[in-house]
């Protein structure tokens, strides 16, 4: 099994180091190769996604990704900014399905911003389409119009095949879980969303075992904080999914706890924590590595066909949480506060 390791910027190298220690502890035949990406890619080769890095990602069975971004890159032209690396990888590798689980561990229910009784036992999966929508639609740009004002414009587009593909992924995920799928759109306003809803309804006929519901995105945003446990699997477009998955992450107590997967049609994937590069705490040994460790578990499950090993990692994470270990992002009285390395130590010991 060959994986591409792309630590990126900020805390990326610190959290990646702990995930790799956990993978090493499993003793699996994994060959790995590291490459620069994001700001590190720009520093090394003048591009956030250097050709050599992209070539490595193409050759690998899976990609384990840290985080990208930093203040010193904010003044670069948009095409050279670190965030373009992740967009480029999604586009070049056809990573159209973003899986964002939001699970509240029993030990962390009190750390959520919501009341424990609202989030205790929460286990939802947000499935976000990644390669279409307003982020990639053309035309786009900034132009000067007749009265001399500048006008910015972006185009929301979805083809029927793009919607059908992500819908199938959503129904298949629901079949393995609670058999409930909520499709989120804005069909009362947007033509793109009307097509989305029509196609999802067509695909639903192939999955009679799954209960399909529809919800407008503004209502979904409200329901995620009012009664989040009503959801099992949510499937939605790129922009809505970007917003809703970040909202759902805060139900869990910390953005530092959540992994993600971005998959192609053959389950090759890029795996990363959902948080950013956090340049303000880089090098201070305080970042939470658990989201990256859990991303490695997702990689083993979805792309490398190593479900038993993934189960072991997830069980180890539950163990250290039960033991009371917490990094600085989780505010909980009486917890055993540890740093990045110590949390990695605890997970390795639990394995």
C-alpha atoms as a PDB file:
ATOM      1  CA  UNK A   1       0.000   0.000   0.000  1.00  0.00           C
ATOM      2  CA  UNK A   2       1.455   3.330  -1.038  1.00  0.00           C
ATOM      3  CA  UNK A   3       0.385   6.624   0.500  1.00  0.00           C
ATOM      4  CA  UNK A   4       1.365  10.188  -0.304  1.00  0.00           C
ATOM      5  CA  UNK A   5       2.031  12.214   2.845  1.00  0.00           C
ATOM      6  CA  UNK A   6       1.408  15.949   2.403  1.00  0.00           C
ATOM      7  CA  UNK A   7       1.875  17.740   5.764  1.00  0.00           C
ATOM      8  CA  UNK A   8       1.432  21.256   4.385  1.00  0.00           C
ATOM      9  CA  UNK A   9       1.757  24.359   6.547  1.00  0.00           C
ATOM     10  CA  UNK A  10       1.334  25.596  10.107  1.00  0.00           C
ATOM     11  CA  UNK A  11       0.500  22.766  12.473  1.00  0.00           C
ATOM     12  CA  UNK A  12       0.379  20.328   9.551  1.00  0.00           C
ATOM     13  CA  UNK A  13       3.741  18.733  10.230  1.00  0.00           C
ATOM     14  CA  UNK A  14       3.042  18.359  13.976  1.00  0.00           C
ATOM     15  CA  UNK A  15      -0.300  16.619  13.636  1.00  0.00           C
ATOM     16  CA  UNK A  16       0.907  14.518  10.702  1.00  0.00           C
ATOM     17  CA  UNK A  17       3.821  13.223  12.752  1.00  0.00           C
ATOM     18  CA  UNK A  18       1.429  11.780  15.331  1.00  0.00           C
ATOM     19  CA  UNK A  19      -0.803  10.159  12.704  1.00  0.00           C
ATOM     20  CA  UNK A  20       2.241   8.506  11.143  1.00  0.00           C
ATOM     21  CA  UNK A  21       3.364   7.195  14.541  1.00  0.00           C
ATOM     22  CA  UNK A  22      -0.051   5.575  14.934  1.00  0.00           C
ATOM     23  CA  UNK A  23       0.114   4.026  11.463  1.00  0.00           C
ATOM     24  CA  UNK A  24       3.627   2.714  12.176  1.00  0.00           C
ATOM     25  CA  UNK A  25       2.404   1.112  15.395  1.00  0.00           C
ATOM     26  CA  UNK A  26      -0.061  -1.003  13.408  1.00  0.00           C
ATOM     27  CA  UNK A  27       2.771  -2.738  11.560  1.00  0.00           C
ATOM     28  CA  UNK A  28       1.036  -2.701   8.193  1.00  0.00           C
ATOM     29  CA  UNK A  29       2.981  -2.919   4.894  1.00  0.00           C
ATOM     30  CA  UNK A  30       2.569   0.742   4.020  1.00  0.00           C
ATOM     31  CA  UNK A  31       5.057   2.572   1.830  1.00  0.00           C
ATOM     32  CA  UNK A  32       4.895   6.328   2.224  1.00  0.00           C
ATOM     33  CA  UNK A  33       6.490   9.294   0.524  1.00  0.00           C
ATOM     34  CA  UNK A  34       6.303  12.914   1.626  1.00  0.00           C
ATOM     35  CA  UNK A  35       6.009  16.014  -0.558  1.00  0.00           C
ATOM     36  CA  UNK A  36       5.433  19.765  -0.072  1.00  0.00           C
ATOM     37  CA  UNK A  37       2.023  21.290  -0.663  1.00  0.00           C
ATOM     38  CA  UNK A  38       0.285  24.603  -0.031  1.00  0.00           C
ATOM     39  CA  UNK A  39       2.577  27.347   1.239  1.00  0.00           C
ATOM     40  CA  UNK A  40       5.374  24.793   1.556  1.00  0.00           C
ATOM     41  CA  UNK A  41       4.843  23.905  -2.105  1.00  0.00           C
ATOM     42  CA  UNK A  42       5.025  27.559  -3.099  1.00  0.00           C
ATOM     43  CA  UNK A  43       8.229  28.006  -1.099  1.00  0.00           C
ATOM     44  CA  UNK A  44       9.779  24.906  -2.682  1.00  0.00           C
ATOM     45  CA  UNK A  45       8.643  25.233  -6.286  1.00  0.00           C
ATOM     46  CA  UNK A  46       6.723  28.478  -6.735  1.00  0.00           C
ATOM     47  CA  UNK A  47       3.376  26.677  -6.864  1.00  0.00           C
ATOM     48  CA  UNK A  48       1.017  25.475  -4.103  1.00  0.00           C
ATOM     49  CA  UNK A  49       0.633  22.173  -5.962  1.00  0.00           C
ATOM     50  CA  UNK A  50       4.019  21.383  -7.521  1.00  0.00           C
ATOM     51  CA  UNK A  51       4.058  18.974 -10.446  1.00  0.00           C
ATOM     52  CA  UNK A  52       6.084  16.445  -8.454  1.00  0.00           C
ATOM     53  CA  UNK A  53       3.554  16.540  -5.615  1.00  0.00           C
ATOM     54  CA  UNK A  54       0.654  16.030  -8.014  1.00  0.00           C
ATOM     55  CA  UNK A  55       2.481  13.148  -9.683  1.00  0.00           C
ATOM     56  CA  UNK A  56       3.029  11.492  -6.303  1.00  0.00           C
ATOM     57  CA  UNK A  57      -0.645  11.927  -5.431  1.00  0.00           C
ATOM     58  CA  UNK A  58      -1.665  10.347  -8.732  1.00  0.00           C
ATOM     59  CA  UNK A  59       0.565   7.309  -8.133  1.00  0.00           C
ATOM     60  CA  UNK A  60      -0.472   6.717  -4.522  1.00  0.00           C
ATOM     61  CA  UNK A  61      -3.315   4.527  -3.322  1.00  0.00           C
ATOM     62  CA  UNK A  62      -4.347   7.296  -0.910  1.00  0.00           C
ATOM     63  CA  UNK A  63      -3.254  10.753   0.237  1.00  0.00           C
ATOM     64  CA  UNK A  64      -2.886  11.786   3.880  1.00  0.00           C
ATOM     65  CA  UNK A  65      -3.085  15.567   4.042  1.00  0.00           C
ATOM     66  CA  UNK A  66      -2.315  17.966   6.894  1.00  0.00           C
ATOM     67  CA  UNK A  67      -3.401  21.572   6.432  1.00  0.00           C
ATOM     68  CA  UNK A  68      -2.455  24.544   4.260  1.00  0.00           C
ATOM     69  CA  UNK A  69      -2.359  28.301   4.643  1.00  0.00           C
ATOM     70  CA  UNK A  70      -0.488  31.044   6.447  1.00  0.00           C
ATOM     71  CA  UNK A  71      -0.498  34.782   6.855  1.00  0.00           C
ATOM     72  CA  UNK A  72       2.610  35.337   4.754  1.00  0.00           C
ATOM     73  CA  UNK A  73       0.829  33.930   1.690  1.00  0.00           C
ATOM     74  CA  UNK A  74      -2.276  36.133   1.935  1.00  0.00           C
ATOM     75  CA  UNK A  75      -0.889  38.740  -0.474  1.00  0.00           C
ATOM     76  CA  UNK A  76      -0.091  36.253  -3.241  1.00  0.00           C
ATOM     77  CA  UNK A  77      -2.198  36.176  -6.417  1.00  0.00           C
ATOM     78  CA  UNK A  78      -5.178  33.880  -5.856  1.00  0.00           C
ATOM     79  CA  UNK A  79      -3.783  31.210  -8.184  1.00  0.00           C
ATOM     80  CA  UNK A  80      -0.657  30.922  -6.012  1.00  0.00           C
ATOM     81  CA  UNK A  81      -2.298  30.843  -2.596  1.00  0.00           C
ATOM     82  CA  UNK A  82      -1.963  27.659  -0.521  1.00  0.00           C
ATOM     83  CA  UNK A  83      -5.676  26.843  -0.629  1.00  0.00           C
ATOM     84  CA  UNK A  84      -5.441  26.308  -4.394  1.00  0.00           C
ATOM     85  CA  UNK A  85      -3.556  23.091  -3.683  1.00  0.00           C
ATOM     86  CA  UNK A  86      -6.549  21.342  -2.213  1.00  0.00           C
ATOM     87  CA  UNK A  87      -8.826  22.571  -5.015  1.00  0.00           C
ATOM     88  CA  UNK A  88      -6.281  21.360  -7.560  1.00  0.00           C
ATOM     89  CA  UNK A  89      -6.017  17.916  -5.990  1.00  0.00           C
ATOM     90  CA  UNK A  90      -9.793  17.540  -5.968  1.00  0.00           C
ATOM     91  CA  UNK A  91      -9.999  18.542  -9.622  1.00  0.00           C
ATOM     92  CA  UNK A  92      -7.055  16.538 -10.982  1.00  0.00           C
ATOM     93  CA  UNK A  93      -7.884  13.383  -9.011  1.00  0.00           C
ATOM     94  CA  UNK A  94     -11.648  13.542  -9.500  1.00  0.00           C
ATOM     95  CA  UNK A  95     -12.356  13.641  -5.774  1.00  0.00           C
ATOM     96  CA  UNK A  96     -16.039  14.419  -5.982  1.00  0.00           C
ATOM     97  CA  UNK A  97     -17.410  13.009  -2.710  1.00  0.00           C
ATOM     98  CA  UNK A  98     -16.491  14.650   0.595  1.00  0.00           C
ATOM     99  CA  UNK A  99     -17.424  12.590   3.659  1.00  0.00           C
ATOM    100  CA  UNK A 100     -17.612  14.625   6.856  1.00  0.00           C
ATOM    101  CA  UNK A 101     -18.679  12.590   9.891  1.00  0.00           C
ATOM    102  CA  UNK A 102     -19.774  14.470  12.994  1.00  0.00           C
ATOM    103  CA  UNK A 103     -19.815  12.207  16.014  1.00  0.00           C
ATOM    104  CA  UNK A 104     -20.134  13.238  19.638  1.00  0.00           C
ATOM    105  CA  UNK A 105     -18.088  10.984  21.869  1.00  0.00           C
ATOM    106  CA  UNK A 106     -19.817  10.294  25.165  1.00  0.00           C
ATOM    107  CA  UNK A 107     -16.906  11.839  27.064  1.00  0.00           C
ATOM    108  CA  UNK A 108     -17.114  15.098  25.090  1.00  0.00           C
ATOM    109  CA  UNK A 109     -20.852  15.780  25.214  1.00  0.00           C
ATOM    110  CA  UNK A 110     -20.261  18.408  27.888  1.00  0.00           C
ATOM    111  CA  UNK A 111     -17.687  20.190  25.731  1.00  0.00           C
ATOM    112  CA  UNK A 112     -20.166  20.996  22.959  1.00  0.00           C
ATOM    113  CA  UNK A 113     -21.476  24.535  22.572  1.00  0.00           C
ATOM    114  CA  UNK A 114     -24.972  23.020  22.781  1.00  0.00           C
ATOM    115  CA  UNK A 115     -26.615  21.350  25.767  1.00  0.00           C
ATOM    116  CA  UNK A 116     -25.405  17.778  26.328  1.00  0.00           C
ATOM    117  CA  UNK A 117     -28.916  16.374  25.948  1.00  0.00           C
ATOM    118  CA  UNK A 118     -29.141  17.913  22.464  1.00  0.00           C
ATOM    119  CA  UNK A 119     -25.900  16.370  21.162  1.00  0.00           C
ATOM    120  CA  UNK A 120     -25.298  13.255  23.293  1.00  0.00           C
ATOM    121  CA  UNK A 121     -25.100  10.263  20.953  1.00  0.00           C
ATOM    122  CA  UNK A 122     -24.952  12.383  17.803  1.00  0.00           C
ATOM    123  CA  UNK A 123     -23.633  10.475  14.789  1.00  0.00           C
ATOM    124  CA  UNK A 124     -24.285  12.070  11.407  1.00  0.00           C
ATOM    125  CA  UNK A 125     -22.518  12.031   8.056  1.00  0.00           C
ATOM    126  CA  UNK A 126     -22.522  15.055   5.767  1.00  0.00           C
ATOM    127  CA  UNK A 127     -21.791  14.175   2.164  1.00  0.00           C
ATOM    128  CA  UNK A 128     -20.673  17.213   0.165  1.00  0.00           C
ATOM    129  CA  UNK A 129     -20.217  17.257  -3.607  1.00  0.00           C
ATOM    130  CA  UNK A 130     -16.744  18.644  -4.224  1.00  0.00           C
ATOM    131  CA  UNK A 131     -15.995  19.275  -7.872  1.00  0.00           C
ATOM    132  CA  UNK A 132     -18.962  21.285  -9.171  1.00  0.00           C
ATOM    133  CA  UNK A 133     -21.144  24.188  -8.056  1.00  0.00           C
ATOM    134  CA  UNK A 134     -20.249  27.862  -7.727  1.00  0.00           C
ATOM    135  CA  UNK A 135     -16.621  27.180  -6.771  1.00  0.00           C
ATOM    136  CA  UNK A 136     -15.840  25.867 -10.242  1.00  0.00           C
ATOM    137  CA  UNK A 137     -18.600  27.277 -12.465  1.00  0.00           C
ATOM    138  CA  UNK A 138     -17.752  29.532 -15.381  1.00  0.00           C
ATOM    139  CA  UNK A 139     -17.999  32.397 -16.191  1.00  0.00           C
ATOM    140  CA  UNK A 140     -16.558  34.079 -13.116  1.00  0.00           C
ATOM    141  CA  UNK A 141     -14.573  37.204 -12.487  1.00  0.00           C
ATOM    142  CA  UNK A 142     -14.583  40.907 -11.628  1.00  0.00           C
ATOM    143  CA  UNK A 143     -15.420  43.420 -14.320  1.00  0.00           C
ATOM    144  CA  UNK A 144     -16.215  47.104 -14.690  1.00  0.00           C
ATOM    145  CA  UNK A 145     -19.782  47.736 -15.788  1.00  0.00           C
ATOM    146  CA  UNK A 146     -21.346  50.698 -17.634  1.00  0.00           C
ATOM    147  CA  UNK A 147     -21.439  53.189 -14.776  1.00  0.00           C
ATOM    148  CA  UNK A 148     -17.805  52.511 -13.834  1.00  0.00           C
ATOM    149  CA  UNK A 149     -18.589  50.301 -10.864  1.00  0.00           C
ATOM    150  CA  UNK A 150     -16.867  46.977 -10.369  1.00  0.00           C
ATOM    151  CA  UNK A 151     -19.054  43.890 -10.448  1.00  0.00           C
ATOM    152  CA  UNK A 152     -18.082  40.456  -9.148  1.00  0.00           C
ATOM    153  CA  UNK A 153     -19.795  37.358 -10.532  1.00  0.00           C
ATOM    154  CA  UNK A 154     -19.638  33.595 -10.059  1.00  0.00           C
ATOM    155  CA  UNK A 155     -21.771  30.940 -11.728  1.00  0.00           C
ATOM    156  CA  UNK A 156     -23.524  28.086  -9.928  1.00  0.00           C
ATOM    157  CA  UNK A 157     -23.663  25.067 -12.240  1.00  0.00           C
ATOM    158  CA  UNK A 158     -24.430  21.368 -11.855  1.00  0.00           C
ATOM    159  CA  UNK A 159     -24.832  18.770 -14.569  1.00  0.00           C
ATOM    160  CA  UNK A 160     -27.278  15.943 -14.182  1.00  0.00           C
ATOM    161  CA  UNK A 161     -24.451  13.376 -14.148  1.00  0.00           C
ATOM    162  CA  UNK A 162     -22.655  15.195 -11.326  1.00  0.00           C
ATOM    163  CA  UNK A 163     -25.807  15.215  -9.206  1.00  0.00           C
ATOM    164  CA  UNK A 164     -26.623  11.601 -10.004  1.00  0.00           C
ATOM    165  CA  UNK A 165     -23.123  10.475  -9.013  1.00  0.00           C
ATOM    166  CA  UNK A 166     -23.149  12.124  -5.577  1.00  0.00           C
ATOM    167  CA  UNK A 167     -26.753  11.018  -4.973  1.00  0.00           C
ATOM    168  CA  UNK A 168     -25.784   7.375  -5.493  1.00  0.00           C
ATOM    169  CA  UNK A 169     -22.912   7.838  -3.040  1.00  0.00           C
ATOM    170  CA  UNK A 170     -25.324   9.328  -0.508  1.00  0.00           C
ATOM    171  CA  UNK A 171     -27.851   6.516  -0.799  1.00  0.00           C
ATOM    172  CA  UNK A 172     -25.107   3.886  -0.580  1.00  0.00           C
ATOM    173  CA  UNK A 173     -23.771   5.528   2.590  1.00  0.00           C
ATOM    174  CA  UNK A 174     -27.278   5.608   4.070  1.00  0.00           C
ATOM    175  CA  UNK A 175     -27.712   1.909   3.329  1.00  0.00           C
ATOM    176  CA  UNK A 176     -24.746   1.187   5.607  1.00  0.00           C
ATOM    177  CA  UNK A 177     -26.065   3.405   8.400  1.00  0.00           C
ATOM    178  CA  UNK A 178     -29.589   4.336   9.520  1.00  0.00           C
ATOM    179  CA  UNK A 179     -31.161   4.265   6.022  1.00  0.00           C
ATOM    180  CA  UNK A 180     -32.217   7.901   6.191  1.00  0.00           C
ATOM    181  CA  UNK A 181     -31.019  10.448   3.626  1.00  0.00           C
ATOM    182  CA  UNK A 182     -31.778  14.170   3.738  1.00  0.00           C
ATOM    183  CA  UNK A 183     -31.055  16.045   0.508  1.00  0.00           C
ATOM    184  CA  UNK A 184     -30.357  19.733   1.146  1.00  0.00           C
ATOM    185  CA  UNK A 185     -30.923  22.386  -1.521  1.00  0.00           C
ATOM    186  CA  UNK A 186     -32.528  25.774  -2.194  1.00  0.00           C
ATOM    187  CA  UNK A 187     -35.040  24.633  -4.789  1.00  0.00           C
ATOM    188  CA  UNK A 188     -37.497  27.381  -3.916  1.00  0.00           C
ATOM    189  CA  UNK A 189     -35.088  29.977  -5.338  1.00  0.00           C
ATOM    190  CA  UNK A 190     -32.373  28.356  -7.480  1.00  0.00           C
ATOM    191  CA  UNK A 191     -32.819  26.551 -10.795  1.00  0.00           C
ATOM    192  CA  UNK A 192     -29.651  24.580 -10.052  1.00  0.00           C
ATOM    193  CA  UNK A 193     -31.248  23.314  -6.845  1.00  0.00           C
ATOM    194  CA  UNK A 194     -34.475  22.378  -8.641  1.00  0.00           C
ATOM    195  CA  UNK A 195     -32.471  20.144 -10.969  1.00  0.00           C
ATOM    196  CA  UNK A 196     -30.626  18.763  -7.928  1.00  0.00           C
ATOM    197  CA  UNK A 197     -33.915  17.811  -6.248  1.00  0.00           C
ATOM    198  CA  UNK A 198     -35.402  16.302  -9.411  1.00  0.00           C
ATOM    199  CA  UNK A 199     -32.368  14.071 -10.002  1.00  0.00           C
ATOM    200  CA  UNK A 200     -32.132  12.959  -6.358  1.00  0.00           C
ATOM    201  CA  UNK A 201     -35.798  11.907  -6.488  1.00  0.00           C
ATOM    202  CA  UNK A 202     -35.081   9.882  -9.644  1.00  0.00           C
ATOM    203  CA  UNK A 203     -32.105   8.136  -8.036  1.00  0.00           C
ATOM    204  CA  UNK A 204     -34.147   7.389  -4.903  1.00  0.00           C
ATOM    205  CA  UNK A 205     -36.269   4.910  -6.891  1.00  0.00           C
ATOM    206  CA  UNK A 206     -33.241   2.606  -6.949  1.00  0.00           C
ATOM    207  CA  UNK A 207     -33.013   2.613  -3.138  1.00  0.00           C
ATOM    208  CA  UNK A 208     -36.504   1.861  -1.799  1.00  0.00           C
ATOM    209  CA  UNK A 209     -35.035   0.834   1.572  1.00  0.00           C
ATOM    210  CA  UNK A 210     -33.817   4.401   2.231  1.00  0.00           C
ATOM    211  CA  UNK A 211     -36.134   7.075   3.594  1.00  0.00           C
ATOM    212  CA  UNK A 212     -35.540  10.241   1.532  1.00  0.00           C
ATOM    213  CA  UNK A 213     -36.386  13.721   2.761  1.00  0.00           C
ATOM    214  CA  UNK A 214     -35.652  17.204   1.409  1.00  0.00           C
ATOM    215  CA  UNK A 215     -34.772  20.355   3.304  1.00  0.00           C
ATOM    216  CA  UNK A 216     -33.914  23.897   2.296  1.00  0.00           C
ATOM    217  CA  UNK A 217     -30.402  24.862   3.326  1.00  0.00           C
ATOM    218  CA  UNK A 218     -31.450  27.695   5.646  1.00  0.00           C
ATOM    219  CA  UNK A 219     -33.794  25.379   7.539  1.00  0.00           C
ATOM    220  CA  UNK A 220     -31.095  22.705   7.699  1.00  0.00           C
ATOM    221  CA  UNK A 221     -28.685  25.199   9.252  1.00  0.00           C
ATOM    222  CA  UNK A 222     -31.297  25.897  11.922  1.00  0.00           C
ATOM    223  CA  UNK A 223     -32.162  22.243  12.497  1.00  0.00           C
ATOM    224  CA  UNK A 224     -28.511  21.304  13.000  1.00  0.00           C
ATOM    225  CA  UNK A 225     -28.450  23.415  16.162  1.00  0.00           C
ATOM    226  CA  UNK A 226     -32.080  22.794  17.199  1.00  0.00           C
ATOM    227  CA  UNK A 227     -32.348  19.010  16.822  1.00  0.00           C
ATOM    228  CA  UNK A 228     -29.247  17.562  15.107  1.00  0.00           C
ATOM    229  CA  UNK A 229     -29.988  13.938  16.008  1.00  0.00           C
ATOM    230  CA  UNK A 230     -32.879  13.888  13.515  1.00  0.00           C
ATOM    231  CA  UNK A 231     -30.276  13.457  10.743  1.00  0.00           C
ATOM    232  CA  UNK A 232     -28.435  10.344   9.608  1.00  0.00           C
ATOM    233  CA  UNK A 233     -26.873  11.172   6.209  1.00  0.00           C
ATOM    234  CA  UNK A 234     -27.093  14.631   4.610  1.00  0.00           C
ATOM    235  CA  UNK A 235     -26.210  15.024   0.922  1.00  0.00           C
ATOM    236  CA  UNK A 236     -25.770  18.469  -0.580  1.00  0.00           C
ATOM    237  CA  UNK A 237     -23.835  20.590  -3.054  1.00  0.00           C
ATOM    238  CA  UNK A 238     -20.404  22.101  -2.750  1.00  0.00           C
ATOM    239  CA  UNK A 239     -21.160  25.519  -1.263  1.00  0.00           C
ATOM    240  CA  UNK A 240     -23.980  24.430   1.048  1.00  0.00           C
ATOM    241  CA  UNK A 241     -21.896  21.462   2.188  1.00  0.00           C
ATOM    242  CA  UNK A 242     -18.920  23.683   2.928  1.00  0.00           C
ATOM    243  CA  UNK A 243     -21.000  25.765   5.330  1.00  0.00           C
ATOM    244  CA  UNK A 244     -23.133  23.038   6.913  1.00  0.00           C
ATOM    245  CA  UNK A 245     -20.231  20.668   7.597  1.00  0.00           C
ATOM    246  CA  UNK A 246     -18.335  23.367   9.459  1.00  0.00           C
ATOM    247  CA  UNK A 247     -21.456  24.157  11.462  1.00  0.00           C
ATOM    248  CA  UNK A 248     -21.902  20.479  12.321  1.00  0.00           C
ATOM    249  CA  UNK A 249     -18.294  20.233  13.436  1.00  0.00           C
ATOM    250  CA  UNK A 250     -18.942  22.598  16.316  1.00  0.00           C
ATOM    251  CA  UNK A 251     -21.637  20.307  17.697  1.00  0.00           C
ATOM    252  CA  UNK A 252     -18.917  17.860  18.667  1.00  0.00           C
ATOM    253  CA  UNK A 253     -17.024  20.035  21.130  1.00  0.00           C
ATOM    254  CA  UNK A 254     -13.992  20.792  18.997  1.00  0.00           C
ATOM    255  CA  UNK A 255     -13.110  21.189  15.340  1.00  0.00           C
ATOM    256  CA  UNK A 256      -9.898  19.384  16.282  1.00  0.00           C
ATOM    257  CA  UNK A 257     -11.762  16.086  16.596  1.00  0.00           C
ATOM    258  CA  UNK A 258     -13.163  15.678  13.102  1.00  0.00           C
ATOM    259  CA  UNK A 259     -11.666  13.804  10.146  1.00  0.00           C
ATOM    260  CA  UNK A 260     -12.767  13.860   6.532  1.00  0.00           C
ATOM    261  CA  UNK A 261     -12.415  11.897   3.322  1.00  0.00           C
ATOM    262  CA  UNK A 262     -12.628  13.047  -0.300  1.00  0.00           C
ATOM    263  CA  UNK A 263     -13.156  10.086  -2.626  1.00  0.00           C
ATOM    264  CA  UNK A 264     -13.124   9.385  -6.341  1.00  0.00           C
ATOM    265  CA  UNK A 265     -15.337   6.870  -8.124  1.00  0.00           C
ATOM    266  CA  UNK A 266     -12.998   4.007  -7.128  1.00  0.00           C
ATOM    267  CA  UNK A 267     -12.639   4.984  -3.450  1.00  0.00           C
ATOM    268  CA  UNK A 268      -9.163   6.402  -3.837  1.00  0.00           C
ATOM    269  CA  UNK A 269      -9.169   9.298  -1.459  1.00  0.00           C
ATOM    270  CA  UNK A 270      -7.564  12.283   0.161  1.00  0.00           C
ATOM    271  CA  UNK A 271      -7.870  12.271   3.947  1.00  0.00           C
ATOM    272  CA  UNK A 272      -7.491  15.343   6.131  1.00  0.00           C
ATOM    273  CA  UNK A 273      -8.623  16.936   9.372  1.00  0.00           C
ATOM    274  CA  UNK A 274     -11.296  19.548   8.765  1.00  0.00           C
ATOM    275  CA  UNK A 275      -9.485  22.268  10.711  1.00  0.00           C
ATOM    276  CA  UNK A 276      -7.014  24.716   9.220  1.00  0.00           C
ATOM    277  CA  UNK A 277      -3.286  25.249   9.558  1.00  0.00           C
ATOM    278  CA  UNK A 278      -3.598  27.413  12.719  1.00  0.00           C
ATOM    279  CA  UNK A 279      -0.359  29.362  12.180  1.00  0.00           C
ATOM    280  CA  UNK A 280      -0.832  31.132  15.518  1.00  0.00           C
ATOM    281  CA  UNK A 281      -0.145  27.902  17.432  1.00  0.00           C
ATOM    282  CA  UNK A 282       2.278  26.225  15.016  1.00  0.00           C
ATOM    283  CA  UNK A 283       5.362  24.854  16.732  1.00  0.00           C
ATOM    284  CA  UNK A 284       3.878  25.156  20.225  1.00  0.00           C
ATOM    285  CA  UNK A 285       2.974  21.472  20.672  1.00  0.00           C
ATOM    286  CA  UNK A 286      -0.636  22.265  21.612  1.00  0.00           C
ATOM    287  CA  UNK A 287      -2.594  21.317  18.477  1.00  0.00           C
ATOM    288  CA  UNK A 288      -5.060  18.431  18.691  1.00  0.00           C
ATOM    289  CA  UNK A 289      -3.809  15.538  16.493  1.00  0.00           C
ATOM    290  CA  UNK A 290      -6.904  13.359  16.898  1.00  0.00           C
ATOM    291  CA  UNK A 291      -8.669  14.577  13.742  1.00  0.00           C
ATOM    292  CA  UNK A 292      -5.602  13.644  11.695  1.00  0.00           C
ATOM    293  CA  UNK A 293      -5.284  10.298  13.459  1.00  0.00           C
ATOM    294  CA  UNK A 294      -8.960   9.600  12.759  1.00  0.00           C
ATOM    295  CA  UNK A 295      -8.428  10.682   9.136  1.00  0.00           C
ATOM    296  CA  UNK A 296      -5.775   7.980   8.905  1.00  0.00           C
ATOM    297  CA  UNK A 297      -8.363   5.514  10.201  1.00  0.00           C
ATOM    298  CA  UNK A 298     -10.784   6.615   7.473  1.00  0.00           C
ATOM    299  CA  UNK A 299      -7.996   6.119   4.922  1.00  0.00           C
ATOM    300  CA  UNK A 300      -7.477   2.558   6.105  1.00  0.00           C
ATOM    301  CA  UNK A 301     -11.215   1.847   5.912  1.00  0.00           C
ATOM    302  CA  UNK A 302     -12.189   3.442   2.610  1.00  0.00           C
ATOM    303  CA  UNK A 303      -9.110   3.302   0.380  1.00  0.00           C
ATOM    304  CA  UNK A 304      -6.794   0.608   1.758  1.00  0.00           C
ATOM    305  CA  UNK A 305      -9.351  -2.080   2.699  1.00  0.00           C
ATOM    306  CA  UNK A 306      -8.076  -2.329   6.261  1.00  0.00           C
ATOM    307  CA  UNK A 307     -11.282  -2.018   8.281  1.00  0.00           C
ATOM    308  CA  UNK A 308      -9.946  -3.944  11.286  1.00  0.00           C
ATOM    309  CA  UNK A 309      -6.977  -1.586  11.580  1.00  0.00           C
ATOM    310  CA  UNK A 310      -9.315   1.410  11.298  1.00  0.00           C
ATOM    311  CA  UNK A 311     -11.423  -0.033  14.116  1.00  0.00           C
ATOM    312  CA  UNK A 312      -8.315  -0.354  16.270  1.00  0.00           C
ATOM    313  CA  UNK A 313      -7.398   3.315  15.820  1.00  0.00           C
ATOM    314  CA  UNK A 314     -10.918   4.512  16.555  1.00  0.00           C
ATOM    315  CA  UNK A 315     -11.087   2.319  19.654  1.00  0.00           C
ATOM    316  CA  UNK A 316      -7.742   3.721  20.831  1.00  0.00           C
ATOM    317  CA  UNK A 317      -9.037   7.293  20.446  1.00  0.00           C
ATOM    318  CA  UNK A 318     -12.114   6.422  22.518  1.00  0.00           C
ATOM    319  CA  UNK A 319      -9.843   4.912  25.145  1.00  0.00           C
ATOM    320  CA  UNK A 320      -7.704   8.026  25.578  1.00  0.00           C
ATOM    321  CA  UNK A 321     -10.815  10.189  25.811  1.00  0.00           C
ATOM    322  CA  UNK A 322     -12.211   7.900  28.524  1.00  0.00           C
ATOM    323  CA  UNK A 323      -8.873   8.220  30.305  1.00  0.00           C
ATOM    324  CA  UNK A 324      -9.460  11.966  30.444  1.00  0.00           C
ATOM    325  CA  UNK A 325      -6.762  13.183  28.045  1.00  0.00           C
ATOM    326  CA  UNK A 326      -7.621  16.518  26.408  1.00  0.00           C
ATOM    327  CA  UNK A 327      -5.712  19.017  24.291  1.00  0.00           C
ATOM    328  CA  UNK A 328      -6.126  22.767  24.782  1.00  0.00           C
ATOM    329  CA  UNK A 329      -8.981  23.121  22.271  1.00  0.00           C
ATOM    330  CA  UNK A 330     -11.326  21.067  24.475  1.00  0.00           C
ATOM    331  CA  UNK A 331     -12.383  23.078  27.502  1.00  0.00           C
ATOM    332  CA  UNK A 332     -13.349  20.656  30.212  1.00  0.00           C
ATOM    333  CA  UNK A 333     -12.889  20.909  33.959  1.00  0.00           C
ATOM    334  CA  UNK A 334     -10.729  18.244  35.540  1.00  0.00           C
ATOM    335  CA  UNK A 335      -9.283  16.985  32.250  1.00  0.00           C
ATOM    336  CA  UNK A 336      -5.708  15.793  31.840  1.00  0.00           C
ATOM    337  CA  UNK A 337      -4.334  18.560  29.622  1.00  0.00           C
ATOM    338  CA  UNK A 338      -1.709  17.287  27.202  1.00  0.00           C
ATOM    339  CA  UNK A 339       0.128  18.560  24.155  1.00  0.00           C
ATOM    340  CA  UNK A 340       0.255  17.245  20.599  1.00  0.00           C
ATOM    341  CA  UNK A 341       3.046  14.769  21.233  1.00  0.00           C
ATOM    342  CA  UNK A 342       1.576  13.525  24.513  1.00  0.00           C
ATOM    343  CA  UNK A 343      -1.784  12.885  22.884  1.00  0.00           C
ATOM    344  CA  UNK A 344       0.007  10.893  20.216  1.00  0.00           C
ATOM    345  CA  UNK A 345       1.823   8.975  22.972  1.00  0.00           C
ATOM    346  CA  UNK A 346      -1.511   8.139  24.598  1.00  0.00           C
ATOM    347  CA  UNK A 347      -3.053   6.819  21.376  1.00  0.00           C
ATOM    348  CA  UNK A 348       0.011   4.716  20.581  1.00  0.00           C
ATOM    349  CA  UNK A 349      -0.064   3.323  24.120  1.00  0.00           C
ATOM    350  CA  UNK A 350      -3.774   2.522  23.778  1.00  0.00           C
ATOM    351  CA  UNK A 351      -3.066   0.611  20.573  1.00  0.00           C
END
